[in-house]
Protein backbone atom coordinates (compact mmCIF):
# COMPACT_ATOMS: atom_id res chain seq x y z
CA MET A 1 68.09 -54.76 -69.98
CA ILE A 2 63.88 -53.59 -69.96
CA ASP A 3 62.59 -54.64 -74.06
CA ALA A 4 60.13 -51.36 -74.31
CA SER A 5 59.42 -53.19 -77.84
CA ARG A 6 57.73 -55.78 -75.95
CA ILE A 7 55.71 -53.21 -73.62
CA TRP A 8 51.81 -53.00 -74.61
CA PHE A 9 48.29 -52.65 -73.43
CA ARG A 10 44.82 -53.98 -73.43
CA PRO A 11 41.11 -52.46 -72.28
CA LEU A 12 41.22 -53.93 -68.05
CA ARG A 13 38.53 -57.66 -68.35
CA GLU A 14 36.54 -58.55 -65.27
CA SER A 15 38.09 -61.48 -65.72
CA ASP A 16 41.25 -59.03 -64.96
CA LEU A 17 39.51 -58.51 -61.40
CA PRO A 18 41.79 -61.04 -58.80
CA LEU A 19 44.69 -60.38 -60.10
CA LEU A 20 43.57 -56.41 -60.08
CA TRP A 21 43.11 -57.56 -56.83
CA GLU A 22 45.73 -60.00 -55.95
CA TRP A 23 48.05 -56.57 -56.63
CA LEU A 24 45.91 -54.21 -54.71
CA ARG A 25 46.52 -55.77 -51.29
CA LYS A 26 51.35 -56.33 -51.70
CA PRO A 27 52.49 -53.64 -49.69
CA ASP A 28 53.91 -51.83 -51.89
CA VAL A 29 50.74 -51.42 -54.13
CA ALA A 30 49.43 -50.42 -51.27
CA ARG A 31 51.31 -47.89 -49.53
CA TRP A 32 50.87 -45.45 -52.76
CA TYR A 33 48.13 -46.58 -54.22
CA GLY A 34 45.50 -47.23 -51.83
CA PRO A 35 43.79 -47.78 -50.08
CA VAL A 36 43.48 -51.84 -49.89
CA PRO A 37 40.07 -52.83 -50.69
CA GLU A 38 38.90 -54.92 -47.94
CA ASN A 39 37.31 -57.77 -50.17
CA PHE A 40 36.91 -58.78 -53.79
CA ALA A 41 33.20 -57.31 -54.01
CA GLN A 42 34.75 -54.02 -53.07
CA VAL A 43 37.26 -53.76 -56.07
CA GLN A 44 34.47 -55.54 -58.45
CA GLY A 45 32.51 -52.42 -57.18
CA LYS A 46 34.85 -50.18 -58.21
CA TYR A 47 36.26 -51.32 -61.74
CA LEU A 48 32.98 -52.99 -62.43
CA PRO A 49 31.32 -50.14 -64.42
CA ARG A 50 34.81 -48.55 -65.22
CA LEU A 51 34.25 -51.68 -67.57
CA HIS A 52 31.56 -49.84 -69.49
CA VAL A 53 32.29 -47.77 -72.66
CA ASP A 54 30.70 -44.59 -70.96
CA SER A 55 33.11 -44.87 -68.46
CA ASN A 56 34.90 -41.92 -67.42
CA VAL A 57 37.79 -43.47 -66.59
CA HIS A 58 39.83 -45.95 -68.70
CA CYS A 59 41.00 -48.59 -67.44
CA TYR A 60 44.89 -51.18 -69.11
CA LEU A 61 46.66 -54.25 -67.57
CA ALA A 62 50.36 -53.58 -69.28
CA PHE A 63 51.74 -56.75 -70.61
CA GLU A 64 55.75 -57.34 -70.76
CA GLY A 65 55.58 -60.03 -73.51
CA ASP A 66 52.34 -61.74 -72.51
CA ARG A 67 52.74 -60.91 -68.97
CA PRO A 68 50.42 -58.79 -67.34
CA VAL A 69 52.98 -56.37 -65.05
CA GLY A 70 51.12 -53.84 -63.88
CA TYR A 71 47.78 -51.69 -63.65
CA LEU A 72 47.31 -48.10 -65.92
CA GLN A 73 44.14 -45.77 -66.12
CA HIS A 74 43.19 -42.40 -67.49
CA TYR A 75 40.68 -39.60 -67.84
CA PHE A 76 39.63 -36.00 -68.63
CA ILE A 77 40.49 -34.33 -65.44
CA VAL A 78 37.21 -32.70 -66.32
CA SER A 79 35.58 -35.74 -65.82
CA GLU A 80 36.26 -34.78 -62.17
CA PRO A 81 35.22 -31.86 -61.16
CA GLU A 82 36.23 -30.63 -57.85
CA TYR A 83 40.04 -31.96 -59.01
CA ALA A 84 40.05 -30.11 -62.24
CA ARG A 85 39.26 -27.16 -59.79
CA ALA A 86 42.30 -28.01 -57.33
CA LEU A 87 44.26 -27.84 -60.41
CA ASP A 88 42.83 -26.01 -62.61
CA VAL A 89 44.53 -27.34 -65.98
CA ASP A 90 43.64 -27.58 -69.95
CA PRO A 91 40.20 -28.96 -69.81
CA ALA A 92 41.43 -31.91 -72.10
CA ALA A 93 44.28 -32.90 -70.05
CA VAL A 94 43.47 -36.47 -69.14
CA GLY A 95 45.57 -37.61 -65.45
CA ILE A 96 46.70 -40.84 -64.83
CA ASP A 97 47.06 -43.25 -62.22
CA LEU A 98 49.50 -46.30 -62.29
CA PHE A 99 51.28 -48.75 -60.56
CA ILE A 100 53.62 -51.98 -61.11
CA GLY A 101 51.36 -55.21 -59.37
CA GLU A 102 54.85 -57.70 -59.71
CA ASP A 103 57.35 -57.32 -58.14
CA THR A 104 59.68 -58.46 -60.44
CA HIS A 105 59.23 -55.28 -62.48
CA ARG A 106 59.44 -52.76 -59.31
CA HIS A 107 62.28 -51.00 -58.69
CA ARG A 108 64.38 -52.27 -61.96
CA GLY A 109 63.74 -49.90 -64.87
CA PHE A 110 60.05 -50.68 -65.71
CA GLY A 111 57.78 -48.13 -64.50
CA PRO A 112 60.02 -45.40 -66.68
CA GLU A 113 59.22 -47.78 -69.83
CA MET A 114 56.17 -48.73 -69.25
CA LEU A 115 54.67 -44.92 -68.64
CA ARG A 116 56.07 -43.48 -71.00
CA ALA A 117 54.60 -46.39 -74.04
CA PHE A 118 51.37 -45.96 -72.65
CA VAL A 119 51.50 -42.21 -73.01
CA GLU A 120 52.37 -42.63 -76.85
CA GLN A 121 50.51 -45.86 -77.40
CA VAL A 122 47.29 -44.64 -75.55
CA VAL A 123 47.02 -42.07 -74.63
CA PHE A 124 48.13 -39.19 -77.18
CA ALA A 125 46.88 -41.79 -79.35
CA ASP A 126 43.61 -39.39 -79.22
CA ASP A 127 43.76 -36.23 -80.13
CA ARG A 128 40.89 -34.56 -78.58
CA VAL A 129 44.69 -34.86 -75.53
CA THR A 130 45.77 -31.87 -75.49
CA CYS A 131 48.74 -32.62 -72.30
CA ALA A 132 48.55 -35.93 -69.72
CA ILE A 133 49.46 -35.38 -65.68
CA ILE A 134 49.64 -37.16 -63.55
CA ALA A 135 50.77 -36.61 -59.80
CA PRO A 136 51.64 -38.42 -57.30
CA GLY A 137 52.10 -37.67 -53.96
CA VAL A 138 55.05 -35.29 -52.73
CA SER A 139 56.51 -37.88 -50.20
CA ASN A 140 56.58 -41.20 -53.57
CA THR A 141 60.28 -39.84 -54.70
CA VAL A 142 60.86 -43.23 -56.10
CA ALA A 143 57.83 -42.21 -58.15
CA ILE A 144 58.47 -38.82 -59.31
CA ARG A 145 61.74 -39.84 -60.08
CA ALA A 146 60.36 -42.82 -62.22
CA TYR A 147 58.39 -40.68 -63.83
CA GLU A 148 60.37 -37.16 -64.78
CA LYS A 149 62.24 -40.23 -66.48
CA ALA A 150 59.23 -40.63 -68.76
CA GLY A 151 59.48 -36.34 -69.59
CA PHE A 152 56.95 -35.75 -67.23
CA ARG A 153 57.84 -32.05 -65.81
CA HIS A 154 56.67 -30.96 -62.17
CA VAL A 155 54.88 -27.55 -63.05
CA LYS A 156 53.01 -27.28 -59.27
CA THR A 157 52.41 -29.03 -55.89
CA VAL A 158 48.48 -29.09 -54.99
CA ARG A 159 47.00 -29.74 -51.41
CA ILE A 160 43.50 -32.22 -53.16
CA PRO A 161 40.65 -31.58 -50.85
CA GLY A 162 40.64 -35.52 -49.43
CA ALA A 163 44.33 -36.57 -49.97
CA ARG A 164 46.27 -38.05 -48.16
CA SER A 165 49.29 -35.42 -48.63
CA PRO A 166 49.78 -32.53 -51.63
CA GLU A 167 50.45 -33.84 -54.97
CA HIS A 168 53.46 -33.02 -56.82
CA VAL A 169 51.46 -32.77 -60.54
CA MET A 170 53.82 -33.47 -63.05
CA MET A 171 53.03 -32.42 -66.94
CA LEU A 172 54.01 -34.01 -70.39
CA TRP A 173 52.43 -32.41 -73.94
CA PRO A 174 52.61 -34.35 -76.85
CA ASP A 175 55.87 -32.23 -78.28
CA GLU A 176 58.00 -33.62 -75.94
CA LEU A 177 57.10 -36.73 -75.98
CA ASP A 178 58.09 -36.41 -80.18
CA ASP A 179 61.27 -35.11 -78.68
CA TRP A 180 61.67 -37.91 -76.66
CA ILE A 181 61.13 -40.91 -79.15
CA ALA A 182 63.26 -39.39 -81.57
CA THR A 183 65.60 -38.28 -79.32
CA ARG A 184 65.34 -42.21 -78.76
CA GLU A 185 66.07 -43.37 -81.95
CA GLY A 186 68.44 -40.81 -82.62
CA LEU A 187 67.43 -38.97 -84.71
CA ILE A 188 68.05 -36.18 -82.44
CA PRO A 189 71.34 -35.95 -80.35
CA GLU A 190 71.48 -36.59 -76.72
């Protein structure tokens, strides 16, 4: 059983990059989060700039207790103009990308709990955010189901220039998260 109260996040650090490199090479991660970096220098080239305060992409490690188990990032979609045009969403919408790096936490119900906790603790803690968006590939049915369990709803399917497949765009608004939290805590009957 997953204890959601043990899930927490901290910003990615340079010292985390070897672990990230290890995770990115795992077949279950690479299948959906790829392409696999050819070497550690590519990991450094992509993620070191994101560690700066002025980066548009904010990166985090997810922990269960004291163990790192996954990676998440968020960004205002308007910071990616081509993507923003393709999605055509509110300028204060935040995009989320994630993967579970530890094999012991995949396919066990941890993903929805991790995503809900991230949205609650990190994304919607910023008052500027109007909604959260996650957009798995249309054939990534496991992720789609996990994101539905986290409260995200499908709003459209979009082909992004250069993407491997169309994206199944899913959204969650702050008031929907509030309703989910109230239901979880027994304040609203299911």
